[in-house]
Protein backbone atom coordinates (compact mmCIF):
# COMPACT_ATOMS: atom_id res chain seq x y z
CA MET A 1 -17.08 -49.51 14.84
CA TYR A 2 -16.53 -47.72 11.56
CA ASP A 3 -19.51 -47.64 9.22
CA GLU A 4 -17.85 -48.69 5.86
CA GLU A 5 -20.62 -47.14 4.00
CA ARG A 6 -19.87 -44.02 5.33
CA ILE A 7 -16.29 -44.18 5.27
CA LYS A 8 -16.62 -44.82 1.35
CA GLY A 9 -18.24 -41.36 0.78
CA PHE A 10 -15.50 -39.76 3.05
CA LEU A 11 -12.84 -41.88 1.19
CA GLU A 12 -14.06 -40.57 -2.25
CA ALA A 13 -14.10 -37.21 -1.05
CA LEU A 14 -10.39 -37.40 0.16
CA ARG A 15 -9.45 -38.91 -3.41
CA GLY A 16 -11.24 -36.15 -4.98
CA ALA A 17 -9.42 -33.55 -3.25
CA ARG A 18 -6.09 -35.38 -3.82
CA GLY A 19 -6.70 -35.31 -7.65
CA LEU A 20 -7.84 -31.62 -8.12
CA LEU A 21 -6.39 -30.66 -11.30
CA LEU A 22 -7.05 -26.52 -11.72
CA TYR A 23 -8.30 -25.87 -8.09
CA ARG A 24 -5.41 -27.30 -6.36
CA GLY A 25 -4.46 -24.03 -4.72
CA ILE A 26 -7.59 -24.22 -2.36
CA LEU A 27 -5.50 -27.48 -0.79
CA GLN A 28 -2.93 -24.95 0.52
CA ASP A 29 -6.17 -22.60 2.85
CA PRO A 30 -5.93 -23.79 6.46
CA ALA A 31 -9.29 -24.80 6.65
CA CYS A 32 -9.15 -26.97 3.70
CA ARG A 33 -5.68 -28.74 5.04
CA ALA A 34 -7.61 -29.17 8.24
CA PHE A 35 -10.59 -30.76 6.66
CA THR A 36 -8.61 -33.34 4.55
CA GLY A 37 -6.49 -33.93 7.56
CA PHE A 38 -9.91 -35.02 8.98
CA LEU A 39 -10.59 -37.19 6.45
CA GLU A 40 -7.69 -38.92 6.24
CA ALA A 41 -7.92 -39.50 10.19
CA VAL A 42 -11.35 -41.10 9.30
CA THR A 43 -10.33 -43.21 6.27
CA ASP A 44 -7.14 -44.28 7.68
CA ARG A 45 -9.43 -45.81 10.74
CA ALA A 46 -7.19 -43.48 13.15
CA GLY A 47 -7.78 -44.22 17.01
CA PRO A 48 -10.74 -42.05 18.83
CA ASP A 49 -8.09 -39.73 20.30
CA GLN A 50 -6.42 -38.78 16.77
CA LEU A 51 -9.97 -38.72 15.44
CA LEU A 52 -11.04 -36.16 18.08
CA GLU A 53 -7.97 -34.04 17.67
CA ALA A 54 -8.30 -33.62 13.86
CA TYR A 55 -12.31 -32.73 14.50
CA ALA A 56 -11.19 -30.23 17.08
CA GLU A 57 -8.37 -28.66 15.06
CA LEU A 58 -10.79 -28.43 12.16
CA PHE A 59 -13.41 -26.63 14.22
CA TYR A 60 -10.91 -24.38 15.81
CA ILE A 61 -10.02 -23.25 12.45
CA LEU A 62 -13.36 -22.80 11.00
CA SER A 63 -14.47 -20.65 14.17
CA ARG A 64 -11.51 -18.26 13.40
CA GLU A 65 -12.14 -18.25 9.86
CA ALA A 66 -15.93 -17.71 10.03
CA GLY A 67 -15.81 -14.54 12.15
CA GLU A 68 -18.19 -11.93 11.08
CA THR A 69 -18.89 -12.21 7.31
CA GLY A 70 -20.14 -9.61 4.96
CA SER A 71 -23.24 -11.68 3.91
CA GLU A 72 -25.19 -14.39 5.45
CA PRO A 73 -23.21 -17.85 5.10
CA VAL A 74 -24.33 -20.40 2.66
CA GLY A 75 -24.56 -23.68 4.17
CA ASP A 76 -22.49 -24.40 7.21
CA ALA A 77 -19.36 -22.96 8.36
CA TRP A 78 -17.24 -25.48 6.18
CA GLN A 79 -19.48 -25.38 3.07
CA ASN A 80 -19.61 -21.49 3.12
CA HIS A 81 -15.79 -21.39 3.46
CA LEU A 82 -15.26 -24.07 0.37
CA LEU A 83 -17.67 -22.11 -1.81
CA ASN A 84 -15.88 -18.96 -1.17
CA LEU A 85 -12.40 -20.72 -1.95
CA ILE A 86 -14.10 -21.69 -5.27
CA LEU A 87 -15.36 -18.26 -6.05
CA PHE A 88 -12.22 -16.28 -5.18
CA ASP A 89 -9.54 -18.96 -6.54
CA ASP A 90 -7.23 -17.82 -8.93
CA ASN A 91 -6.59 -20.64 -11.61
CA ALA A 92 -6.25 -20.80 -15.66
CA PHE A 93 -9.90 -21.63 -15.38
CA SER A 94 -11.18 -18.72 -13.52
CA GLN A 95 -8.45 -16.12 -15.16
CA ASP A 96 -9.56 -17.38 -18.59
CA SER A 97 -13.29 -16.96 -17.73
CA ALA A 98 -12.75 -13.69 -16.55
CA ALA A 99 -11.07 -12.47 -19.45
CA PHE A 100 -12.55 -14.14 -22.41
CA PRO A 101 -16.12 -15.16 -23.32
CA PRO A 102 -16.84 -19.12 -22.60
CA GLU A 103 -16.96 -20.11 -26.20
CA LEU A 104 -13.60 -19.24 -26.28
CA LEU A 105 -12.29 -21.27 -23.63
CA GLY A 106 -10.36 -24.47 -24.27
CA ALA A 107 -12.28 -27.78 -24.40
CA SER A 108 -9.66 -29.50 -22.02
CA LEU A 109 -9.67 -26.45 -19.75
CA LYS A 110 -13.42 -26.74 -19.48
CA ASP A 111 -13.17 -30.52 -18.85
CA ALA A 112 -10.85 -30.20 -16.02
CA ALA A 113 -12.78 -27.53 -14.58
CA ALA A 114 -15.92 -29.79 -14.60
CA ARG A 115 -13.96 -32.66 -13.30
CA ASP A 116 -12.78 -30.42 -10.43
CA LEU A 117 -16.07 -29.05 -9.28
CA ALA A 118 -17.57 -33.07 -9.09
CA ALA A 119 -14.62 -33.53 -6.78
CA LEU A 120 -15.30 -30.36 -4.92
CA GLN A 121 -18.86 -31.20 -4.71
CA LEU A 122 -17.94 -34.44 -2.56
CA LEU A 123 -16.27 -32.50 -0.05
CA TYR A 124 -19.22 -29.94 0.27
CA ARG A 125 -21.31 -32.70 0.71
CA ILE A 126 -19.70 -34.04 4.04
CA ASP A 127 -21.41 -31.15 5.78
CA ALA A 128 -21.04 -30.70 9.98
CA CYS A 129 -23.62 -33.09 10.96
CA LYS A 130 -21.70 -36.08 9.02
CA ALA A 131 -18.61 -34.99 10.34
CA ARG A 132 -19.96 -35.07 13.74
CA GLU A 133 -21.78 -38.05 13.80
CA VAL A 134 -18.88 -40.05 12.60
CA VAL A 135 -16.32 -38.84 15.43
CA THR A 136 -19.23 -39.27 18.27
CA ASP A 137 -19.86 -43.11 17.19
CA LEU A 138 -16.37 -43.69 17.31
CA LEU A 139 -15.90 -42.44 20.92
CA THR A 140 -16.02 -44.62 23.57
CA ASP A 141 -17.64 -44.20 27.10
CA GLY A 142 -14.67 -43.21 28.50
CA GLN A 143 -13.73 -40.90 25.70
CA ALA A 144 -17.43 -39.36 25.50
CA VAL A 145 -17.34 -35.51 25.42
CA GLU A 146 -19.81 -34.27 28.11
CA GLY A 147 -22.90 -32.72 26.35
CA GLY A 148 -21.73 -33.96 23.05
CA LEU A 149 -19.63 -32.69 20.07
CA PRO A 150 -20.69 -29.29 19.02
CA ALA A 151 -20.97 -28.69 14.91
CA TRP A 152 -19.72 -25.99 13.22
CA GLU A 153 -23.29 -25.30 11.42
CA LYS A 154 -23.36 -21.91 12.35
CA LEU A 155 -20.23 -19.99 13.51
CA ALA A 156 -20.44 -16.58 11.48
CA VAL A 157 -21.65 -13.42 14.22
CA SER A 158 -24.93 -12.60 13.34
CA VAL A 159 -24.96 -8.80 13.45
CA PRO A 160 -26.51 -6.04 11.31
CA HIS A 161 -23.70 -4.94 9.12
CA ARG A 162 -23.50 -3.43 5.39
CA ALA A 163 -22.31 -6.04 3.23
CA PRO A 164 -19.34 -5.23 0.71
CA ALA A 165 -20.11 -4.08 -2.76
CA GLY A 166 -20.56 -6.66 -5.23
CA ASN A 167 -21.45 -9.35 -2.58
CA SER A 168 -24.73 -10.19 -4.36
CA ALA A 169 -23.32 -11.87 -7.10
CA ALA A 170 -21.14 -13.81 -5.21
CA THR A 171 -23.99 -15.13 -2.87
CA GLU A 172 -26.26 -15.68 -5.99
CA MET A 173 -23.62 -18.08 -7.49
CA LYS A 174 -22.82 -19.76 -4.00
CA MET A 175 -26.75 -20.57 -3.95
CA ARG A 176 -26.66 -21.83 -7.37
CA LEU A 177 -23.97 -24.32 -6.14
CA LYS A 178 -25.89 -25.13 -3.09
CA ASN A 179 -29.17 -26.27 -4.91
CA ALA A 180 -27.41 -27.71 -8.02
CA ALA A 181 -27.75 -31.46 -8.05
CA ALA A 182 -24.50 -31.87 -9.90
CA TRP A 183 -21.92 -28.95 -9.97
CA ASN A 184 -20.40 -29.80 -13.10
CA ASP A 185 -23.66 -28.73 -14.71
CA CYS A 186 -22.66 -25.22 -13.17
CA LEU A 187 -19.55 -24.71 -15.23
CA GLN A 188 -21.11 -22.13 -17.64
CA ASP A 189 -22.76 -20.19 -14.59
CA LEU A 190 -19.43 -20.26 -12.88
CA ALA A 191 -17.53 -18.96 -15.80
CA GLY A 192 -20.24 -15.99 -16.11
CA TYR A 193 -19.72 -15.22 -12.53
CA TYR A 194 -15.80 -14.97 -13.03
CA ARG A 195 -16.64 -12.93 -16.21
CA GLN A 196 -18.74 -10.50 -13.95
CA ALA A 197 -16.83 -10.47 -10.90
CA GLY A 198 -13.14 -11.43 -11.71
CA SER A 199 -10.85 -14.14 -10.46
CA GLY A 200 -8.78 -14.33 -7.27
CA ILE A 201 -8.33 -11.19 -5.34
CA PHE A 202 -9.55 -9.11 -8.00
CA GLY A 203 -13.00 -10.64 -7.51
CA LYS A 204 -12.78 -10.76 -3.91
CA TYR A 205 -11.93 -7.17 -3.16
CA GLY A 206 -12.38 -3.91 -4.96
CA ALA A 207 -9.62 -1.82 -3.48
CA PHE A 208 -5.72 -2.97 -2.88
CA ARG A 209 -2.49 -1.56 -1.61
CA TRP A 210 0.97 -2.15 -3.15
CA ILE A 211 3.28 -3.84 -0.77
CA SER A 212 6.64 -2.96 -1.92
CA ARG A 213 8.93 -5.48 0.33
CA SER A 214 6.84 -8.29 -1.26
CA ARG A 215 6.15 -6.71 -4.36
CA SER A 216 2.64 -7.76 -4.42
CA LEU A 217 -0.93 -6.19 -4.26
CA GLU A 218 -2.90 -6.66 -1.00
CA GLY A 219 -6.69 -6.70 -0.91
CA ILE A 220 -8.56 -4.00 1.49
CA ALA A 221 -11.30 -5.81 3.09
CA GLU A 222 -12.90 -2.14 4.55
CA PRO A 223 -12.26 0.33 2.24
CA ASP A 224 -13.30 3.93 2.96
CA ARG A 225 -16.77 3.77 1.57
CA VAL A 226 -17.33 7.38 1.05
CA SER A 227 -19.92 8.48 -1.68
CA PHE A 228 -20.43 11.20 -3.98
CA ARG A 229 -23.56 11.99 -2.03
CA GLU A 230 -21.71 12.68 1.03
CA LEU A 231 -19.33 15.48 -0.96
CA THR A 232 -20.84 18.55 -0.86
CA GLY A 233 -19.73 21.23 -3.39
CA TYR A 234 -17.14 21.19 -6.08
CA LYS A 235 -19.88 19.32 -8.28
CA SER A 236 -18.15 20.66 -11.42
CA GLN A 237 -14.56 19.26 -10.62
CA GLN A 238 -16.34 15.83 -9.59
CA GLN A 239 -18.22 15.78 -12.97
CA VAL A 240 -14.72 16.15 -14.95
CA VAL A 241 -13.24 13.01 -12.83
CA LEU A 242 -16.73 10.85 -13.44
CA ASP A 243 -16.81 11.75 -17.10
CA ASN A 244 -13.33 10.62 -17.68
CA THR A 245 -13.91 7.25 -15.57
CA GLU A 246 -17.13 6.58 -17.42
CA ARG A 247 -15.11 7.09 -20.55
CA PHE A 248 -12.23 4.79 -19.10
CA LEU A 249 -14.96 2.00 -18.13
CA ALA A 250 -16.66 2.06 -21.70
CA GLY A 251 -13.29 1.35 -23.20
CA LEU A 252 -12.71 4.85 -24.93
CA PRO A 253 -9.64 6.68 -24.60
CA ALA A 254 -9.26 8.16 -21.38
CA ASN A 255 -6.60 10.58 -19.55
CA ASN A 256 -4.62 10.34 -16.34
CA ILE A 257 -5.96 12.98 -14.07
CA LEU A 258 -4.10 15.11 -11.35
CA LEU A 259 -6.48 16.65 -8.81
CA TYR A 260 -4.61 19.50 -7.00
CA GLY A 261 -5.53 22.44 -4.68
CA ASP A 262 -5.94 23.52 -1.15
CA ARG A 263 -5.74 20.77 1.58
CA GLY A 264 -8.83 19.07 3.02
CA THR A 265 -11.17 20.02 -0.08
CA GLY A 266 -11.94 16.65 -0.90
CA LYS A 267 -9.52 15.33 -3.66
CA SER A 268 -8.88 11.91 -2.16
CA SER A 269 -12.32 11.61 -1.17
CA THR A 270 -13.11 12.08 -4.78
CA VAL A 271 -11.23 9.49 -6.03
CA LYS A 272 -12.11 6.84 -3.25
CA ALA A 273 -15.93 7.67 -3.94
CA LEU A 274 -15.45 6.27 -7.62
CA LEU A 275 -14.85 2.70 -6.03
CA ASN A 276 -18.15 3.02 -4.15
CA ARG A 277 -19.91 3.91 -7.73
CA TYR A 278 -18.18 1.92 -10.23
CA GLN A 279 -17.00 -1.33 -8.47
CA ASN A 280 -19.95 -3.49 -9.95
CA ARG A 281 -18.80 -2.21 -13.31
CA GLY A 282 -15.38 -3.45 -13.00
CA LEU A 283 -13.68 -0.77 -11.46
CA ARG A 284 -10.66 -1.30 -8.82
CA LEU A 285 -8.84 1.04 -7.03
CA VAL A 286 -5.01 0.52 -6.33
CA GLU A 287 -3.18 2.66 -3.61
CA VAL A 288 0.40 3.21 -4.41
CA PRO A 289 2.75 4.92 -2.27
CA ARG A 290 4.84 7.53 -3.76
CA SER A 291 7.91 5.46 -2.64
CA ALA A 292 7.13 2.70 -4.66
CA LEU A 293 7.29 4.48 -8.02
CA GLY A 294 10.17 2.16 -9.06
CA ASP A 295 7.65 -0.74 -8.97
CA TYR A 296 5.24 1.10 -11.38
CA LEU A 297 6.09 -1.33 -14.34
CA LEU A 298 5.97 -4.52 -12.34
CA ILE A 299 2.45 -3.48 -10.80
CA ILE A 300 1.41 -2.65 -14.57
CA SER A 301 2.44 -6.08 -15.64
CA GLN A 302 0.16 -7.90 -12.95
CA LEU A 303 -2.86 -5.76 -14.21
CA ARG A 304 -2.33 -5.90 -17.62
CA ARG A 305 -4.06 -9.12 -18.74
CA ARG A 306 -6.86 -8.83 -16.07
CA PRO A 307 -10.53 -7.94 -17.40
CA GLN A 308 -11.01 -5.31 -14.74
CA ARG A 309 -10.02 -1.60 -15.15
CA PHE A 310 -7.90 -0.14 -12.55
CA ILE A 311 -6.85 3.30 -11.11
CA LEU A 312 -3.51 3.58 -9.76
CA PHE A 313 -4.19 6.16 -6.84
CA VAL A 314 -1.06 8.18 -5.63
CA ASP A 315 -2.07 10.30 -2.91
CA ASP A 316 -0.41 13.63 -1.85
CA LEU A 317 2.20 13.40 -4.87
CA SER A 318 4.82 15.63 -4.51
CA PHE A 319 8.83 15.74 -4.86
CA GLU A 320 11.52 17.79 -3.47
CA GLU A 321 14.44 19.35 -5.42
CA SER A 322 16.74 16.43 -4.75
CA GLU A 323 14.29 13.77 -5.18
CA THR A 324 14.73 12.23 -8.80
CA GLU A 325 12.12 9.40 -8.63
CA TYR A 326 9.55 11.53 -10.34
CA LYS A 327 11.41 10.45 -13.45
CA GLU A 328 9.99 6.85 -12.98
CA LEU A 329 6.82 8.32 -12.92
CA LYS A 330 7.05 10.39 -16.24
CA ALA A 331 8.05 7.28 -18.08
CA VAL A 332 4.70 5.36 -17.26
CA LEU A 333 2.43 8.34 -17.90
CA GLU A 334 3.77 9.18 -21.40
CA GLY A 335 7.13 8.39 -23.10
CA GLY A 336 8.32 4.88 -21.92
CA LEU A 337 9.01 2.44 -24.67
CA GLU A 338 6.16 -0.25 -23.08
CA ASN A 339 2.62 1.09 -23.38
CA ARG A 340 0.63 1.92 -20.59
CA PRO A 341 -2.20 -0.83 -20.82
CA ALA A 342 -5.43 0.39 -21.74
CA ASN A 343 -7.09 -1.08 -18.76
CA VAL A 344 -4.89 1.20 -16.24
CA LEU A 345 -5.13 5.08 -15.49
CA ILE A 346 -3.44 7.07 -12.92
CA TYR A 347 -5.34 9.31 -10.56
CA ALA A 348 -2.83 11.65 -8.34
CA THR A 349 -3.78 14.41 -5.81
CA SER A 350 -1.22 16.89 -4.72
CA ASN A 351 -1.35 20.27 -2.75
CA ARG A 352 0.74 21.46 -5.41
CA ARG A 353 0.20 22.33 -9.16
CA HIS A 354 3.96 22.07 -9.96
CA LEU A 355 4.63 18.31 -8.45
CA VAL A 356 8.66 19.04 -8.15
CA LYS A 357 9.76 21.75 -5.92
CA GLU A 358 11.37 24.96 -7.80
CA ASN A 359 13.33 27.64 -6.43
CA PHE A 360 14.77 30.71 -7.37
CA LEU A 361 18.35 28.88 -7.97
CA ASP A 362 16.52 27.05 -11.15
CA ARG A 363 16.15 30.21 -12.66
CA ARG A 364 19.62 32.19 -12.00
CA PRO A 365 21.47 33.52 -15.19
CA ALA A 366 24.09 31.40 -16.63
CA ILE A 367 26.43 34.17 -16.13
CA GLU A 368 26.68 33.45 -12.47
CA PRO A 369 29.53 31.71 -11.39
CA ASP A 370 27.46 28.56 -9.96
CA GLY A 371 24.55 29.14 -12.56
CA GLU A 372 23.47 26.40 -14.79
CA ILE A 373 24.28 26.94 -18.64
CA ARG A 374 20.92 26.22 -19.69
CA PRO A 375 18.60 26.92 -16.70
CA GLY A 376 15.46 27.03 -18.89
CA ASP A 377 15.98 22.97 -19.44
CA THR A 378 16.01 22.40 -15.68
CA VAL A 379 12.62 24.24 -15.09
CA GLN A 380 11.14 22.41 -18.17
CA GLU A 381 12.33 19.24 -16.79
CA LYS A 382 10.39 19.85 -13.47
CA LEU A 383 7.37 20.98 -14.90
CA SER A 384 6.81 18.00 -17.71
CA LEU A 385 5.71 15.93 -14.92
CA ALA A 386 2.43 17.61 -14.17
CA ASP A 387 1.91 18.15 -17.98
CA ARG A 388 1.76 14.65 -18.47
CA PHE A 389 -1.34 14.30 -16.70
CA GLY A 390 -4.27 14.67 -19.48
CA ILE A 391 -6.30 16.46 -17.07
CA THR A 392 -5.96 18.70 -14.06
CA VAL A 393 -8.68 19.41 -11.77
CA LEU A 394 -8.51 22.41 -9.26
CA TYR A 395 -9.85 22.32 -5.73
CA THR A 396 -9.69 25.72 -3.71
CA ALA A 397 -10.55 26.15 -0.21
CA PRO A 398 -14.51 26.84 0.13
CA ASP A 399 -15.54 30.23 0.97
CA ARG A 400 -17.93 31.07 3.92
CA LYS A 401 -21.39 29.98 2.28
CA LEU A 402 -19.73 26.77 0.82
CA TYR A 403 -18.12 25.74 4.01
CA LEU A 404 -21.69 26.22 5.78
CA ASP A 405 -23.52 24.22 3.15
CA ILE A 406 -20.90 21.45 3.78
CA VAL A 407 -21.51 21.34 7.38
CA ARG A 408 -25.46 21.47 7.20
CA GLU A 409 -25.41 18.52 4.72
CA ALA A 410 -22.96 16.48 6.93
CA ALA A 411 -25.32 17.23 9.96
CA ARG A 412 -28.31 16.34 8.01
CA LEU A 413 -26.63 12.94 6.81
CA LYS A 414 -25.58 12.26 10.33
CA GLY A 415 -29.32 12.90 11.33
CA LEU A 416 -28.12 15.64 13.83
CA GLN A 417 -31.07 17.68 15.53
CA LEU A 418 -29.62 21.16 16.25
CA GLU A 419 -31.20 24.73 15.17
CA GLU A 420 -29.16 25.97 12.00
CA ALA A 421 -28.36 29.29 13.58
CA VAL A 422 -26.74 27.41 16.44
CA LEU A 423 -25.18 24.87 13.98
CA GLU A 424 -24.00 27.85 11.75
CA GLN A 425 -22.40 29.72 14.73
CA ARG A 426 -20.50 26.92 16.10
CA ALA A 427 -19.36 25.80 12.97
CA LEU A 428 -17.52 29.25 12.14
CA GLN A 429 -16.16 29.16 15.76
CA TRP A 430 -14.56 25.77 14.84
CA GLU A 431 -12.79 26.67 11.68
CA SER A 432 -11.34 29.68 13.39
CA ARG A 433 -9.93 27.91 16.06
CA HIS A 434 -8.68 24.57 14.21
CA ASN A 435 -7.39 24.38 10.70
CA GLY A 436 -9.63 26.82 8.59
CA ARG A 437 -12.21 26.27 6.04
CA SER A 438 -12.29 23.22 4.24
CA CYS A 439 -14.14 20.03 4.19
CA ARG A 440 -12.19 18.09 6.13
CA THR A 441 -12.78 20.68 8.76
CA ALA A 442 -15.91 20.74 8.21
CA ARG A 443 -16.58 16.90 8.64
CA GLN A 444 -14.42 16.83 11.73
CA PHE A 445 -16.70 19.45 13.45
CA VAL A 446 -19.76 17.42 12.79
CA ASP A 447 -18.03 13.97 14.18
CA TYR A 448 -17.46 16.39 17.27
CA LEU A 449 -21.01 17.06 17.46
CA CYS A 450 -21.85 13.70 17.12
CA GLY A 451 -20.30 12.85 20.49
CA GLU A 452 -22.64 15.47 22.26
CA PRO A 453 -26.05 14.43 24.14
CA GLY A 454 -28.87 15.96 22.88
CA VAL A 455 -27.90 16.42 19.20
CA PHE A 456 -29.60 13.18 17.82
CA PRO A 457 -33.58 13.02 17.92
CA GLY A 458 -34.79 11.55 21.01
CA GLN A 459 -31.41 11.49 22.85
CA GLY A 460 -32.40 14.26 25.52
CA ASP A 461 -31.31 17.54 26.10
CA ALA A 462 -27.60 18.23 26.62
CA PRO A 463 -26.80 19.32 30.41
CA GLU A 464 -26.56 22.86 31.12
CA GLU A 465 -22.83 24.07 31.29
């Protein structure tokens, strides 16, 4: 028999979900759809078979959604999932809270957000035990599941792992909601969280890639977490990039940067390391392929009103003579009618100082039959792209000393146990047989060593050859 008092709580939660004003987007989430479907099965007095199927569908989706999380779940699998939906929802309240102080938000907007939080708390209170009990009570003896129904209290994989940057603020906000008697009393705290972390995917992720076919940003769940501590050498070059980025984050005038030079010298790693250092201060990194240059104005329009600071990262930037897409980038860097927003910079890497390929035909005299009338104009056109980066930073291939310094430091960070003389000898042999001296070659050599027995303390000696 249905417990009418319990059904009343389920019905109130379902009505609250249907009446959401600002957080309606979470109703499209698969787990949330399955949860409301389960509530409908209960409140519609569905038969045992339908009820069991609704419960099973919800359990199945939650088990897939839980997986390995970046932090310890708060509450059971459903409760933790719902809290994440609230923290990372992109709605009018979260967007405005991220962009403006709470006192500037409209009264009606705050009232609607408070009303939604009260409704969402009703969904949160239907935990795994209540859901399992209502289904178990309704199953007849012939339909009883052997061993009883499992609940979804703990579905996340419990293994040691590194939590994503910025996770502590999200966990703290989730704990505040979990412990609050009334969620609408947490409105100010939630607005403050959005102000600090951002809304939607900008609060959930620190790194993004631009997808041209959908013309949208896609969050990168596991970005390269290289740190400046791992980047040996090139400290003066890195300091130029760091100083400019500090100015950018402080709201001061800052320049676009071109990092150019020899391959494998750590140009891309320098840009990636900025995210590891500054994500908690609002920096976001957006990877934009060279082929998407035509989308730059669209990308900027999606970032303009966001409170975070965005670096558009273009790796390995260069153009052949026949390619004219560089003209799109020139307009974005400087010279277009629409101003580049103050919260967006472009950092690009290249192996070439002059990004557009030149040849001697560009400089042939105009008196030649096929010569251009004003060849100097062609040269200036091709050189002007690199000139529009306010700062250029040169990375040259390391000399023997720097190469060995990089190897030693990389081996130390990995915890390798190898005599220094042996390490240096093998490092020089490696670079002579492979790609020459570079930071990349040094890291590849150390990675190779990590697979050998006897290089870690307590691992035992390597077998004799």
